[in-house]
Amino acid sequence: MTIKIYGPTASRAARALWIVHELGIPFEHVALEMKDLKNPDYLKINPNGKVPALVDGDFKLFESMAINLYLAGKHSKGKLMPENLEDQALCHQWSFWGMTEVEKPLLTILIDAFMTAPDKRKPEAVAEAQKALPKPFGVLNGALHGRDYLLGSGFTIADLNLASIMSWARPIKFDFGPYPNVAAWLDRCLSRSAYKAARATK
């Protein structure tokens, strides 16, 4: 059965598009426009009126991290989603950590730089966001010491979910000089063919 992923590529739906390309499973991409988010039919899928959303048969799911963890668990147990409970917990840990520690400051800088009119920009908010990043990036750099990926030598859903957030550091040209382990890890993740295919999805 073909799953449906709702949301434009230039949104958090990109995470779900990345994982379906990694998994090689049939999917239909419903890009949607802003006006579609309040459509009654779409609100039956995601009553929040936001993207992304997933429809898998009769099952509906929203929140990008939940979608990806679900798909990894259903289609890639023992690969993208580890078999043992402890490693599964680490995948959840790094996915949620990315959202709570990294996503907001990176998004603040990105939106201000590329989606805000010059007269509406908020340099104070950007400065605060920049000040917030060294601590979590230092934590991540330490966690990646001596390993290629977050859980060791193999790429997992933890890497995919976190790298989908960290990818926002590229357009803002964040200096990863003090965090060489993070820089190398992010390059490995974003050089994957599935990531490139997701970015090209229309």
C-alpha atoms as a PDB file:
ATOM      1  CA  MET A   1       0.000   0.000   0.000  1.00  0.00           C
ATOM      2  CA  THR A   2       1.299   3.467  -0.905  1.00  0.00           C
ATOM      3  CA  ILE A   3       1.599   5.872   1.990  1.00  0.00           C
ATOM      4  CA  LYS A   4       0.861   9.578   1.627  1.00  0.00           C
ATOM      5  CA  ILE A   5       3.070  12.350   2.954  1.00  0.00           C
ATOM      6  CA  TYR A   6       1.546  15.805   3.170  1.00  0.00           C
ATOM      7  CA  GLY A   7       3.606  18.980   3.151  1.00  0.00           C
ATOM      8  CA  PRO A   8       5.908  20.974   0.868  1.00  0.00           C
ATOM      9  CA  THR A   9       9.503  19.884   0.468  1.00  0.00           C
ATOM     10  CA  ALA A  10      10.660  23.167   2.016  1.00  0.00           C
ATOM     11  CA  SER A  11       9.095  22.282   5.369  1.00  0.00           C
ATOM     12  CA  ARG A  12       9.505  19.678   8.093  1.00  0.00           C
ATOM     13  CA  ALA A  13       7.895  17.269   5.634  1.00  0.00           C
ATOM     14  CA  ALA A  14      11.402  17.009   4.177  1.00  0.00           C
ATOM     15  CA  ARG A  15      12.285  14.683   7.071  1.00  0.00           C
ATOM     16  CA  ALA A  16       9.535  12.268   6.117  1.00  0.00           C
ATOM     17  CA  LEU A  17      10.499  12.481   2.453  1.00  0.00           C
ATOM     18  CA  TRP A  18      14.082  11.653   3.391  1.00  0.00           C
ATOM     19  CA  ILE A  19      13.136   8.507   5.279  1.00  0.00           C
ATOM     20  CA  VAL A  20      10.820   7.131   2.587  1.00  0.00           C
ATOM     21  CA  HIS A  21      13.674   7.496   0.110  1.00  0.00           C
ATOM     22  CA  GLU A  22      15.999   5.729   2.569  1.00  0.00           C
ATOM     23  CA  LEU A  23      13.481   2.918   2.957  1.00  0.00           C
ATOM     24  CA  GLY A  24      12.633   2.665  -0.721  1.00  0.00           C
ATOM     25  CA  ILE A  25       8.926   2.283   0.000  1.00  0.00           C
ATOM     26  CA  PRO A  26       6.153   3.475  -2.339  1.00  0.00           C
ATOM     27  CA  PHE A  27       4.791   6.876  -1.385  1.00  0.00           C
ATOM     28  CA  GLU A  28       2.684   9.704  -2.717  1.00  0.00           C
ATOM     29  CA  HIS A  29       3.790  13.247  -1.955  1.00  0.00           C
ATOM     30  CA  VAL A  30       0.959  15.741  -1.502  1.00  0.00           C
ATOM     31  CA  ALA A  31       2.810  19.045  -1.428  1.00  0.00           C
ATOM     32  CA  LEU A  32      -0.069  21.303  -0.288  1.00  0.00           C
ATOM     33  CA  GLU A  33      -0.160  25.091  -0.227  1.00  0.00           C
ATOM     34  CA  MET A  34      -0.846  27.310   2.781  1.00  0.00           C
ATOM     35  CA  LYS A  35      -4.489  27.717   1.744  1.00  0.00           C
ATOM     36  CA  ASP A  36      -4.921  23.932   1.809  1.00  0.00           C
ATOM     37  CA  LEU A  37      -4.062  23.629   5.493  1.00  0.00           C
ATOM     38  CA  LYS A  38      -7.518  24.800   6.610  1.00  0.00           C
ATOM     39  CA  ASN A  39      -9.329  22.581   4.145  1.00  0.00           C
ATOM     40  CA  PRO A  40     -11.831  20.406   6.071  1.00  0.00           C
ATOM     41  CA  ASP A  41     -10.559  17.251   4.375  1.00  0.00           C
ATOM     42  CA  TYR A  42      -6.988  17.980   5.439  1.00  0.00           C
ATOM     43  CA  LEU A  43      -8.056  18.917   8.974  1.00  0.00           C
ATOM     44  CA  LYS A  44      -9.418  15.382   9.311  1.00  0.00           C
ATOM     45  CA  ILE A  45      -5.834  14.196   8.834  1.00  0.00           C
ATOM     46  CA  ASN A  46      -4.074  16.858  10.881  1.00  0.00           C
ATOM     47  CA  PRO A  47      -6.513  18.923  12.955  1.00  0.00           C
ATOM     48  CA  ASN A  48      -3.670  21.331  13.802  1.00  0.00           C
ATOM     49  CA  GLY A  49      -3.729  22.637  10.253  1.00  0.00           C
ATOM     50  CA  LYS A  50       0.014  22.168   9.928  1.00  0.00           C
ATOM     51  CA  VAL A  51       2.431  19.937   8.045  1.00  0.00           C
ATOM     52  CA  PRO A  52       3.626  17.289   7.781  1.00  0.00           C
ATOM     53  CA  ALA A  53       1.106  14.532   8.089  1.00  0.00           C
ATOM     54  CA  LEU A  54       1.133  10.865   7.147  1.00  0.00           C
ATOM     55  CA  VAL A  55      -1.626   8.569   5.970  1.00  0.00           C
ATOM     56  CA  ASP A  56      -0.801   4.868   5.962  1.00  0.00           C
ATOM     57  CA  GLY A  57      -3.968   2.968   5.080  1.00  0.00           C
ATOM     58  CA  ASP A  58      -6.440   3.855   7.809  1.00  0.00           C
ATOM     59  CA  PHE A  59      -3.716   5.194  10.093  1.00  0.00           C
ATOM     60  CA  LYS A  60      -3.135   8.945  10.317  1.00  0.00           C
ATOM     61  CA  LEU A  61      -0.195  10.589  12.069  1.00  0.00           C
ATOM     62  CA  PHE A  62       1.167  14.094  12.493  1.00  0.00           C
ATOM     63  CA  GLU A  63       4.439  15.503  13.937  1.00  0.00           C
ATOM     64  CA  SER A  64       7.511  14.915  11.797  1.00  0.00           C
ATOM     65  CA  MET A  65       9.579  13.067  14.391  1.00  0.00           C
ATOM     66  CA  ALA A  66       6.690  10.757  15.254  1.00  0.00           C
ATOM     67  CA  ILE A  67       6.193  10.019  11.559  1.00  0.00           C
ATOM     68  CA  ASN A  68       9.850   9.139  11.062  1.00  0.00           C
ATOM     69  CA  LEU A  69      10.125   7.002  14.179  1.00  0.00           C
ATOM     70  CA  TYR A  70       6.974   5.154  13.124  1.00  0.00           C
ATOM     71  CA  LEU A  71       8.241   4.492   9.603  1.00  0.00           C
ATOM     72  CA  ALA A  72      11.663   3.379  10.835  1.00  0.00           C
ATOM     73  CA  GLY A  73      10.069   1.017  13.338  1.00  0.00           C
ATOM     74  CA  LYS A  74       7.637  -0.424  10.822  1.00  0.00           C
ATOM     75  CA  HIS A  75       9.905  -0.772   7.793  1.00  0.00           C
ATOM     76  CA  SER A  76      13.488  -0.850   9.067  1.00  0.00           C
ATOM     77  CA  LYS A  77      13.666  -2.662  12.416  1.00  0.00           C
ATOM     78  CA  GLY A  78      17.246  -3.702  12.974  1.00  0.00           C
ATOM     79  CA  LYS A  79      18.578  -1.104  10.518  1.00  0.00           C
ATOM     80  CA  LEU A  80      17.389   2.479  10.779  1.00  0.00           C
ATOM     81  CA  MET A  81      15.577   1.507  13.978  1.00  0.00           C
ATOM     82  CA  PRO A  82      17.758  -0.661  16.231  1.00  0.00           C
ATOM     83  CA  GLU A  83      16.462  -3.925  17.648  1.00  0.00           C
ATOM     84  CA  ASN A  84      17.244  -3.389  21.323  1.00  0.00           C
ATOM     85  CA  LEU A  85      15.275  -1.090  23.599  1.00  0.00           C
ATOM     86  CA  GLU A  86      18.283   0.885  24.829  1.00  0.00           C
ATOM     87  CA  ASP A  87      19.362   1.876  21.324  1.00  0.00           C
ATOM     88  CA  GLN A  88      15.779   2.664  20.392  1.00  0.00           C
ATOM     89  CA  ALA A  89      15.673   4.987  23.401  1.00  0.00           C
ATOM     90  CA  LEU A  90      18.842   6.698  22.176  1.00  0.00           C
ATOM     91  CA  CYS A  91      17.186   7.258  18.791  1.00  0.00           C
ATOM     92  CA  HIS A  92      14.291   8.956  20.562  1.00  0.00           C
ATOM     93  CA  GLN A  93      16.697  10.893  22.762  1.00  0.00           C
ATOM     94  CA  TRP A  94      18.648  12.432  19.895  1.00  0.00           C
ATOM     95  CA  SER A  95      15.502  13.119  17.862  1.00  0.00           C
ATOM     96  CA  PHE A  96      13.857  15.018  20.716  1.00  0.00           C
ATOM     97  CA  TRP A  97      17.136  16.656  21.743  1.00  0.00           C
ATOM     98  CA  GLY A  98      17.460  18.135  18.276  1.00  0.00           C
ATOM     99  CA  MET A  99      14.013  19.672  18.575  1.00  0.00           C
ATOM    100  CA  THR A 100      14.494  21.081  22.065  1.00  0.00           C
ATOM    101  CA  GLU A 101      18.136  22.195  21.920  1.00  0.00           C
ATOM    102  CA  VAL A 102      18.951  23.025  18.304  1.00  0.00           C
ATOM    103  CA  GLU A 103      15.888  23.519  16.133  1.00  0.00           C
ATOM    104  CA  LYS A 104      14.623  26.846  17.489  1.00  0.00           C
ATOM    105  CA  PRO A 105      17.904  28.806  17.366  1.00  0.00           C
ATOM    106  CA  LEU A 106      18.812  27.498  13.912  1.00  0.00           C
ATOM    107  CA  LEU A 107      15.337  28.265  12.591  1.00  0.00           C
ATOM    108  CA  THR A 108      15.416  31.746  14.140  1.00  0.00           C
ATOM    109  CA  ILE A 109      18.613  32.573  12.258  1.00  0.00           C
ATOM    110  CA  LEU A 110      17.419  30.951   9.022  1.00  0.00           C
ATOM    111  CA  ILE A 111      14.066  32.739   8.943  1.00  0.00           C
ATOM    112  CA  ASP A 112      15.615  36.090   9.763  1.00  0.00           C
ATOM    113  CA  ALA A 113      18.243  35.735   7.038  1.00  0.00           C
ATOM    114  CA  PHE A 114      16.117  34.364   4.197  1.00  0.00           C
ATOM    115  CA  MET A 115      12.416  34.875   4.914  1.00  0.00           C
ATOM    116  CA  THR A 116      12.254  38.268   6.622  1.00  0.00           C
ATOM    117  CA  ALA A 117      12.223  41.668   4.989  1.00  0.00           C
ATOM    118  CA  PRO A 118      15.291  43.730   5.914  1.00  0.00           C
ATOM    119  CA  ASP A 119      13.225  46.258   7.861  1.00  0.00           C
ATOM    120  CA  LYS A 120      11.552  43.475   9.856  1.00  0.00           C
ATOM    121  CA  ARG A 121      14.699  41.626  10.913  1.00  0.00           C
ATOM    122  CA  LYS A 122      15.505  41.154  14.584  1.00  0.00           C
ATOM    123  CA  PRO A 123      19.280  41.220  15.144  1.00  0.00           C
ATOM    124  CA  GLU A 124      18.834  40.825  18.899  1.00  0.00           C
ATOM    125  CA  ALA A 125      16.913  37.561  18.443  1.00  0.00           C
ATOM    126  CA  VAL A 126      19.535  36.318  15.985  1.00  0.00           C
ATOM    127  CA  ALA A 127      22.328  37.188  18.411  1.00  0.00           C
ATOM    128  CA  GLU A 128      20.570  35.277  21.188  1.00  0.00           C
ATOM    129  CA  ALA A 129      20.087  32.292  18.896  1.00  0.00           C
ATOM    130  CA  GLN A 130      23.757  32.315  17.933  1.00  0.00           C
ATOM    131  CA  LYS A 131      24.738  32.410  21.601  1.00  0.00           C
ATOM    132  CA  ALA A 132      22.516  29.393  22.289  1.00  0.00           C
ATOM    133  CA  LEU A 133      24.203  27.073  19.770  1.00  0.00           C
ATOM    134  CA  PRO A 134      27.752  26.489  21.081  1.00  0.00           C
ATOM    135  CA  LYS A 135      26.611  24.485  24.114  1.00  0.00           C
ATOM    136  CA  PRO A 136      24.497  21.868  22.267  1.00  0.00           C
ATOM    137  CA  PHE A 137      26.986  21.733  19.404  1.00  0.00           C
ATOM    138  CA  GLY A 138      29.697  21.021  21.943  1.00  0.00           C
ATOM    139  CA  VAL A 139      27.592  18.222  23.413  1.00  0.00           C
ATOM    140  CA  LEU A 140      27.054  16.742  19.958  1.00  0.00           C
ATOM    141  CA  ASN A 141      30.722  17.078  19.050  1.00  0.00           C
ATOM    142  CA  GLY A 142      31.642  15.110  22.182  1.00  0.00           C
ATOM    143  CA  ALA A 143      29.037  12.431  21.498  1.00  0.00           C
ATOM    144  CA  LEU A 144      30.480  11.884  18.020  1.00  0.00           C
ATOM    145  CA  HIS A 145      34.073  11.545  19.193  1.00  0.00           C
ATOM    146  CA  GLY A 146      35.563   8.377  17.723  1.00  0.00           C
ATOM    147  CA  ARG A 147      32.426   7.347  15.856  1.00  0.00           C
ATOM    148  CA  ASP A 148      30.880   7.951  12.465  1.00  0.00           C
ATOM    149  CA  TYR A 149      27.295   8.105  13.653  1.00  0.00           C
ATOM    150  CA  LEU A 150      25.385   8.764  16.855  1.00  0.00           C
ATOM    151  CA  LEU A 151      25.006   5.112  17.815  1.00  0.00           C
ATOM    152  CA  GLY A 152      28.336   3.925  16.414  1.00  0.00           C
ATOM    153  CA  SER A 153      29.307   2.831  12.934  1.00  0.00           C
ATOM    154  CA  GLY A 154      25.843   2.568  11.389  1.00  0.00           C
ATOM    155  CA  PHE A 155      23.449   5.268  10.174  1.00  0.00           C
ATOM    156  CA  THR A 156      20.141   5.181  12.100  1.00  0.00           C
ATOM    157  CA  ILE A 157      16.953   7.178  12.430  1.00  0.00           C
ATOM    158  CA  ALA A 158      18.715   9.181  15.154  1.00  0.00           C
ATOM    159  CA  ASP A 159      21.166  10.502  12.571  1.00  0.00           C
ATOM    160  CA  LEU A 160      18.483  11.159   9.983  1.00  0.00           C
ATOM    161  CA  ASN A 161      16.212  13.051  12.353  1.00  0.00           C
ATOM    162  CA  LEU A 162      18.956  15.153  13.895  1.00  0.00           C
ATOM    163  CA  ALA A 163      20.730  15.825  10.590  1.00  0.00           C
ATOM    164  CA  SER A 164      17.429  17.035   9.112  1.00  0.00           C
ATOM    165  CA  ILE A 165      17.545  19.813  11.700  1.00  0.00           C
ATOM    166  CA  MET A 166      21.275  20.413  11.518  1.00  0.00           C
ATOM    167  CA  SER A 167      21.023  20.820   7.744  1.00  0.00           C
ATOM    168  CA  TRP A 168      19.643  24.301   8.419  1.00  0.00           C
ATOM    169  CA  ALA A 169      23.144  25.316   9.504  1.00  0.00           C
ATOM    170  CA  ARG A 170      24.349  25.086   5.914  1.00  0.00           C
ATOM    171  CA  PRO A 171      22.420  27.959   4.306  1.00  0.00           C
ATOM    172  CA  ILE A 172      23.327  30.266   7.212  1.00  0.00           C
ATOM    173  CA  LYS A 173      26.981  29.247   6.732  1.00  0.00           C
ATOM    174  CA  PHE A 174      27.502  28.318  10.371  1.00  0.00           C
ATOM    175  CA  ASP A 175      31.172  27.916  11.260  1.00  0.00           C
ATOM    176  CA  PHE A 176      31.715  24.313  12.354  1.00  0.00           C
ATOM    177  CA  GLY A 177      35.447  24.898  12.859  1.00  0.00           C
ATOM    178  CA  PRO A 178      35.227  24.323  16.648  1.00  0.00           C
ATOM    179  CA  TYR A 179      33.095  21.206  16.084  1.00  0.00           C
ATOM    180  CA  PRO A 180      34.981  19.002  13.592  1.00  0.00           C
ATOM    181  CA  ASN A 181      33.185  15.815  14.597  1.00  0.00           C
ATOM    182  CA  VAL A 182      29.823  17.452  13.939  1.00  0.00           C
ATOM    183  CA  ALA A 183      30.994  18.806  10.588  1.00  0.00           C
ATOM    184  CA  ALA A 184      32.233  15.401   9.411  1.00  0.00           C
ATOM    185  CA  TRP A 185      29.087  13.637  10.644  1.00  0.00           C
ATOM    186  CA  LEU A 186      26.787  16.152   8.974  1.00  0.00           C
ATOM    187  CA  ASP A 187      28.676  15.795   5.692  1.00  0.00           C
ATOM    188  CA  ARG A 188      28.258  12.012   5.878  1.00  0.00           C
ATOM    189  CA  CYS A 189      24.534  12.292   6.536  1.00  0.00           C
ATOM    190  CA  LEU A 190      23.768  14.934   3.926  1.00  0.00           C
ATOM    191  CA  SER A 191      25.801  13.211   1.225  1.00  0.00           C
ATOM    192  CA  ARG A 192      23.435  10.238   1.276  1.00  0.00           C
ATOM    193  CA  SER A 193      21.559   9.698  -1.966  1.00  0.00           C
ATOM    194  CA  ALA A 194      18.213   9.500  -0.137  1.00  0.00           C
ATOM    195  CA  TYR A 195      18.714  12.990   1.305  1.00  0.00           C
ATOM    196  CA  LYS A 196      19.478  14.379  -2.140  1.00  0.00           C
ATOM    197  CA  ALA A 197      16.452  12.600  -3.596  1.00  0.00           C
ATOM    198  CA  ALA A 198      14.211  14.033  -0.885  1.00  0.00           C
ATOM    199  CA  ARG A 199      15.388  17.558  -1.638  1.00  0.00           C
ATOM    200  CA  ALA A 200      14.550  17.000  -5.306  1.00  0.00           C
ATOM    201  CA  THR A 201      11.047  15.694  -4.553  1.00  0.00           C
ATOM    202  CA  LYS A 202       8.324  17.898  -6.026  1.00  0.00           C
END
